[in-house]
Amino acid sequence: FKQKTAYEIGVRLVGSEMCIRDSLESMLARHWPELSRLVKPTGVSMLSVLLKYGGPDVIAASVGVTEEIMAWSKGKISEAKASSILHSARGTLGIPMTKHDKLCMQEISQRILDAKRSVSACTKKIRVILEKDPFWSKYLCPVGAGTLGVILSTLGDPRNYDSAGALLKACGLNLAELSSGKRIGEKGISKRGPALTRRWLYFWAMRSVQKTELKEWYHRFHSPGYGHHDRPIKNRKIKGIICMMRKLLKSLWSSMHQDQPFEYSKVIAKPAKPKRRRRRKTKQS
């Protein structure tokens, strides 16, 4: 498996797309703030609209925009939602765009679309490579081609690690005490491994907490009554995602060592039932 392909996905494409996405959201907040409340602006349909028209004033003055939005979304955006997008473009409270602002908006939209297409093409190449191997093909659907490719290219074969803790330490997800000579802090991940792996594991954890097997645990984790009473509630959601990253990687290592398919139902261990205490029989005098 070539390491260059995974790095091409992770560093050049995904990193650039996230930076350009921030620029797009800042421009929309300045010139068309109502759009983010109605629909995801980084979707292919809205990027195509912004690429063609450039700004809300041109969209408001054009004819047939509603039908184009519905066609580009392939039925995901209803007619009522498309009409509300057009209505928000006509009555937006944003600052009017200049000619250079519209050109910048179109260029940003074009670069995000190119990055999305390149990521999709590279993921397909990785899928074709991994599908030829009977062992790795079992983990393509649950893990994802991009995530599995990045793990193999940055960490190597997980079966070469003696324990799941060694695999966590290799990617910087092992717990370390964040303290100094004057302050004793709480434990956190060391972040000493490749940042690319942690980024893709974060994406995998974000997808996983939406599944029925893990959704209940994630909502219980960031609730105030979960765990110890002295545990801080601050940033509980991101801590739950990091905890899910660790559990997913441990479960993946275990399933690979046992040569079994990965199952989300086995990621969270079921709590053991308390042992029943029996009374001792006293001897009758």
Protein backbone atom coordinates (compact mmCIF):
# COMPACT_ATOMS: atom_id res chain seq x y z
CA PHE A 1 0.00 0.00 0.00
CA LYS A 2 1.48 3.33 -1.06
CA GLN A 3 1.89 5.94 1.64
CA LYS A 4 1.74 8.79 -0.87
CA THR A 5 -1.91 8.15 -1.72
CA ALA A 6 -3.12 8.46 1.86
CA TYR A 7 -1.10 11.60 2.48
CA GLU A 8 -2.52 13.07 -0.71
CA ILE A 9 -6.00 12.63 0.77
CA GLY A 10 -5.22 13.75 4.30
CA VAL A 11 -2.80 16.64 3.98
CA ARG A 12 -3.17 18.30 0.62
CA LEU A 13 -6.87 17.88 -0.01
CA VAL A 14 -8.69 17.68 3.31
CA GLY A 15 -6.49 20.29 4.96
CA SER A 16 -6.88 22.75 2.11
CA GLU A 17 -10.62 22.13 1.94
CA MET A 18 -11.06 22.91 5.65
CA CYS A 19 -9.08 26.16 5.35
CA ILE A 20 -11.03 27.28 2.28
CA ARG A 21 -14.29 26.28 3.98
CA ASP A 22 -13.53 28.72 6.79
CA SER A 23 -13.03 31.49 4.22
CA LEU A 24 -16.35 30.65 2.60
CA GLU A 25 -18.22 30.72 5.91
CA SER A 26 -16.67 34.06 6.86
CA MET A 27 -17.71 35.59 3.52
CA LEU A 28 -21.23 34.25 3.86
CA ALA A 29 -21.47 35.64 7.40
CA ARG A 30 -20.58 39.04 5.99
CA HIS A 31 -22.66 39.10 2.80
CA TRP A 32 -25.38 36.40 3.19
CA PRO A 33 -25.77 35.37 6.86
CA GLU A 34 -29.23 33.82 6.41
CA LEU A 35 -27.99 30.99 4.17
CA SER A 36 -26.20 29.04 6.94
CA ARG A 37 -29.43 28.86 8.97
CA LEU A 38 -31.36 27.29 6.09
CA VAL A 39 -28.93 24.83 4.48
CA LYS A 40 -25.37 23.60 4.72
CA PRO A 41 -23.40 26.06 2.55
CA THR A 42 -20.55 23.62 1.85
CA GLY A 43 -22.82 21.14 0.09
CA VAL A 44 -22.38 20.45 -3.59
CA SER A 45 -25.71 22.04 -4.53
CA MET A 46 -25.06 25.39 -2.81
CA LEU A 47 -21.44 25.46 -3.97
CA SER A 48 -22.68 25.03 -7.53
CA VAL A 49 -25.13 27.91 -7.05
CA LEU A 50 -22.44 30.19 -5.63
CA LEU A 51 -20.05 29.20 -8.40
CA LYS A 52 -22.54 30.12 -11.11
CA TYR A 53 -24.02 33.33 -9.65
CA GLY A 54 -21.41 34.58 -7.18
CA GLY A 55 -23.67 36.38 -4.73
CA PRO A 56 -27.21 36.75 -3.33
CA ASP A 57 -28.08 39.85 -5.41
CA VAL A 58 -27.45 37.98 -8.67
CA ILE A 59 -29.43 34.98 -7.39
CA ALA A 60 -32.36 37.23 -6.45
CA ALA A 61 -32.42 38.81 -9.92
CA SER A 62 -32.16 35.51 -11.84
CA VAL A 63 -34.97 33.25 -13.05
CA GLY A 64 -35.19 29.49 -12.45
CA VAL A 65 -32.86 29.37 -9.44
CA THR A 66 -35.29 27.21 -7.45
CA GLU A 67 -35.33 24.51 -10.12
CA GLU A 68 -31.53 24.56 -10.38
CA ILE A 69 -31.08 24.13 -6.62
CA MET A 70 -33.46 21.16 -6.61
CA ALA A 71 -31.70 19.61 -9.62
CA TRP A 72 -28.19 20.01 -8.18
CA SER A 73 -29.25 18.58 -4.81
CA LYS A 74 -30.75 15.49 -6.54
CA GLY A 75 -33.98 15.71 -4.54
CA LYS A 76 -32.38 16.32 -1.13
CA ILE A 77 -33.60 19.94 -1.03
CA SER A 78 -37.37 20.31 -1.29
CA GLU A 79 -39.17 22.98 -3.26
CA ALA A 80 -40.16 24.82 -0.08
CA LYS A 81 -36.54 24.91 1.13
CA ALA A 82 -35.33 26.13 -2.27
CA SER A 83 -37.98 28.87 -2.24
CA SER A 84 -36.89 29.96 1.24
CA ILE A 85 -33.27 30.16 0.03
CA LEU A 86 -34.35 32.40 -2.84
CA HIS A 87 -36.44 34.52 -0.46
CA SER A 88 -33.47 34.95 1.90
CA ALA A 89 -31.29 36.07 -1.03
CA ARG A 90 -33.81 38.79 -1.89
CA GLY A 91 -34.16 40.10 1.67
CA THR A 92 -30.69 39.49 3.08
CA LEU A 93 -29.28 41.88 5.67
CA GLY A 94 -25.68 41.30 4.60
CA ILE A 95 -23.31 43.87 3.14
CA PRO A 96 -23.68 44.25 -0.66
CA MET A 97 -20.97 42.45 -2.59
CA THR A 98 -18.58 44.16 -4.98
CA LYS A 99 -17.35 42.69 -8.24
CA HIS A 100 -14.15 41.43 -6.63
CA ASP A 101 -16.10 39.85 -3.75
CA LYS A 102 -18.18 37.86 -6.23
CA LEU A 103 -15.07 36.68 -8.05
CA CYS A 104 -13.53 35.63 -4.74
CA MET A 105 -16.71 33.75 -3.79
CA GLN A 106 -16.69 31.90 -7.11
CA GLU A 107 -13.02 31.00 -6.78
CA ILE A 108 -13.49 29.65 -3.24
CA SER A 109 -16.50 27.58 -4.34
CA GLN A 110 -14.54 26.16 -7.27
CA ARG A 111 -11.59 25.15 -5.07
CA ILE A 112 -13.86 23.41 -2.53
CA LEU A 113 -15.62 21.50 -5.30
CA ASP A 114 -12.27 20.44 -6.79
CA ALA A 115 -11.06 19.26 -3.37
CA LYS A 116 -14.24 17.23 -2.82
CA ARG A 117 -13.89 15.55 -6.20
CA SER A 118 -10.22 14.80 -5.62
CA VAL A 119 -10.92 13.28 -2.20
CA SER A 120 -13.65 11.11 -3.72
CA ALA A 121 -11.33 9.96 -6.53
CA CYS A 122 -8.46 9.10 -4.13
CA THR A 123 -10.84 7.24 -1.81
CA LYS A 124 -12.02 5.14 -4.74
CA LYS A 125 -8.41 4.28 -5.61
CA ILE A 126 -7.73 3.18 -2.04
CA ARG A 127 -10.92 1.10 -2.04
CA VAL A 128 -9.85 -0.68 -5.21
CA ILE A 129 -6.44 -1.50 -3.68
CA LEU A 130 -7.88 -2.81 -0.40
CA GLU A 131 -10.70 -4.79 -2.00
CA LYS A 132 -8.15 -7.07 -3.65
CA ASP A 133 -6.95 -8.29 -0.24
CA PRO A 134 -9.40 -10.72 1.42
CA PHE A 135 -8.34 -9.61 4.92
CA TRP A 136 -8.61 -5.83 4.54
CA SER A 137 -11.79 -6.02 2.50
CA LYS A 138 -13.68 -7.09 5.66
CA TYR A 139 -13.02 -3.68 7.28
CA LEU A 140 -13.79 -1.40 4.35
CA CYS A 141 -17.50 -0.90 5.02
CA PRO A 142 -17.44 -0.31 8.82
CA VAL A 143 -14.21 1.71 8.94
CA GLY A 144 -14.13 3.45 5.57
CA ALA A 145 -11.57 3.34 2.78
CA GLY A 146 -9.97 6.70 3.59
CA THR A 147 -9.67 6.06 7.34
CA LEU A 148 -8.30 2.55 6.86
CA GLY A 149 -5.84 3.77 4.24
CA VAL A 150 -4.49 6.50 6.50
CA ILE A 151 -4.11 4.05 9.42
CA LEU A 152 -2.14 1.60 7.26
CA SER A 153 0.08 4.27 5.74
CA THR A 154 0.95 6.13 8.97
CA LEU A 155 0.87 3.39 11.63
CA GLY A 156 1.40 0.27 9.56
CA ASP A 157 -0.38 -3.02 10.07
CA PRO A 158 -2.20 -2.96 13.47
CA ARG A 159 -1.48 -6.68 13.82
CA ASN A 160 2.21 -5.87 14.27
CA TYR A 161 1.51 -4.16 17.62
CA ASP A 162 1.66 -6.34 20.72
CA SER A 163 -1.26 -4.62 22.46
CA ALA A 164 -3.98 -2.08 21.86
CA GLY A 165 -2.20 0.33 24.20
CA ALA A 166 0.88 0.26 21.96
CA LEU A 167 -1.29 1.16 18.97
CA LEU A 168 -2.87 4.04 20.90
CA LYS A 169 0.57 5.31 21.90
CA ALA A 170 1.77 5.16 18.29
CA CYS A 171 -0.93 7.58 17.15
CA GLY A 172 -0.77 9.83 20.24
CA LEU A 173 -4.03 8.76 21.89
CA ASN A 174 -2.43 7.42 25.08
CA LEU A 175 -3.32 9.27 28.29
CA ALA A 176 -0.65 11.45 29.93
CA GLU A 177 -0.83 13.77 32.93
CA LEU A 178 -0.78 17.42 31.79
CA SER A 179 1.00 18.95 34.75
CA SER A 180 4.01 21.11 35.57
CA GLY A 181 6.11 21.90 38.62
CA LYS A 182 3.48 24.27 40.01
CA ARG A 183 0.24 22.80 38.66
CA ILE A 184 -1.23 19.31 38.75
CA GLY A 185 -3.56 18.97 35.80
CA GLU A 186 -5.90 16.25 34.63
CA LYS A 187 -5.03 13.53 32.15
CA GLY A 188 -5.22 14.09 28.41
CA ILE A 189 -3.97 12.53 25.20
CA SER A 190 -0.24 12.95 24.51
CA LYS A 191 -0.63 13.94 20.78
CA ARG A 192 2.84 12.55 20.01
CA GLY A 193 1.81 10.48 17.02
CA PRO A 194 0.96 11.61 13.48
CA ALA A 195 -1.71 14.30 13.48
CA LEU A 196 -3.09 12.95 10.20
CA THR A 197 -4.16 9.71 11.88
CA ARG A 198 -5.91 11.52 14.74
CA ARG A 199 -7.74 13.73 12.26
CA TRP A 200 -9.18 10.78 10.35
CA LEU A 201 -9.98 8.91 13.56
CA TYR A 202 -11.85 12.02 14.69
CA PHE A 203 -13.93 11.91 11.49
CA TRP A 204 -14.58 8.20 12.10
CA ALA A 205 -15.69 8.88 15.68
CA MET A 206 -18.04 11.65 14.51
CA ARG A 207 -19.70 9.19 12.15
CA SER A 208 -19.80 6.43 14.75
CA VAL A 209 -21.62 8.35 17.48
CA GLN A 210 -24.58 8.69 15.12
CA LYS A 211 -25.11 4.93 14.99
CA THR A 212 -27.75 3.30 17.15
CA GLU A 213 -25.22 1.08 18.94
CA LEU A 214 -23.16 4.05 20.19
CA LYS A 215 -25.56 6.99 20.25
CA GLU A 216 -26.97 6.21 23.68
CA TRP A 217 -23.53 5.88 25.25
CA TYR A 218 -22.34 9.19 23.77
CA HIS A 219 -25.37 11.10 25.07
CA ARG A 220 -24.91 9.57 28.52
CA PHE A 221 -21.21 10.45 28.51
CA HIS A 222 -21.63 14.21 28.17
CA SER A 223 -24.63 14.37 30.51
CA PRO A 224 -24.04 15.90 33.98
CA GLY A 225 -24.92 12.74 35.91
CA TYR A 226 -22.49 10.40 34.15
CA GLY A 227 -19.45 8.99 35.96
CA HIS A 228 -17.90 10.43 39.10
CA HIS A 229 -19.48 13.41 40.80
CA ASP A 230 -16.19 15.34 40.88
CA ARG A 231 -15.67 14.97 37.12
CA PRO A 232 -15.76 18.39 35.37
CA ILE A 233 -18.63 18.94 32.93
CA LYS A 234 -16.65 21.42 30.77
CA ASN A 235 -15.93 20.24 27.21
CA ARG A 236 -17.67 16.93 27.79
CA LYS A 237 -18.73 16.52 24.15
CA ILE A 238 -15.23 16.73 22.70
CA LYS A 239 -13.98 14.45 25.49
CA GLY A 240 -16.64 11.95 24.48
CA ILE A 241 -15.42 12.05 20.88
CA ILE A 242 -11.81 11.49 21.99
CA CYS A 243 -12.93 8.61 24.22
CA MET A 244 -14.79 7.16 21.24
CA MET A 245 -11.62 7.43 19.11
CA ARG A 246 -9.73 5.36 21.69
CA LYS A 247 -12.47 2.75 21.93
CA LEU A 248 -12.78 2.41 18.14
CA LEU A 249 -9.04 1.91 17.71
CA LYS A 250 -8.94 -0.66 20.52
CA SER A 251 -11.87 -2.55 19.03
CA LEU A 252 -10.28 -2.46 15.57
CA TRP A 253 -7.01 -3.89 16.94
CA SER A 254 -8.89 -6.66 18.79
CA SER A 255 -10.98 -7.64 15.78
CA MET A 256 -7.91 -7.75 13.51
CA HIS A 257 -5.94 -9.92 15.94
CA GLN A 258 -8.86 -12.32 16.24
CA ASP A 259 -9.44 -12.24 12.44
CA GLN A 260 -13.07 -11.25 12.93
CA PRO A 261 -15.12 -8.53 11.23
CA PHE A 262 -15.44 -5.19 13.01
CA GLU A 263 -18.77 -4.74 14.84
CA TYR A 264 -19.97 -1.51 16.44
CA SER A 265 -21.97 -3.44 19.01
CA LYS A 266 -18.70 -4.65 20.58
CA VAL A 267 -17.06 -1.22 20.89
CA ILE A 268 -18.69 -0.42 24.24
CA ALA A 269 -18.20 -3.16 26.83
CA LYS A 270 -21.33 -4.15 28.67
CA PRO A 271 -21.18 -3.54 32.42
CA ALA A 272 -20.63 -6.71 34.39
CA LYS A 273 -23.34 -7.82 36.75
CA PRO A 274 -22.44 -7.52 40.43
CA LYS A 275 -21.67 -10.79 42.12
CA ARG A 276 -24.31 -12.09 44.45
CA ARG A 277 -23.18 -12.22 48.02
CA ARG A 278 -24.27 -15.27 49.95
CA ARG A 279 -24.66 -15.46 53.65
CA ARG A 280 -22.53 -17.88 55.52
CA LYS A 281 -24.37 -20.64 57.25
CA THR A 282 -23.80 -20.56 61.00
CA LYS A 283 -23.26 -23.83 62.78
CA GLN A 284 -26.03 -24.73 65.12
CA SER A 285 -24.80 -25.55 68.59
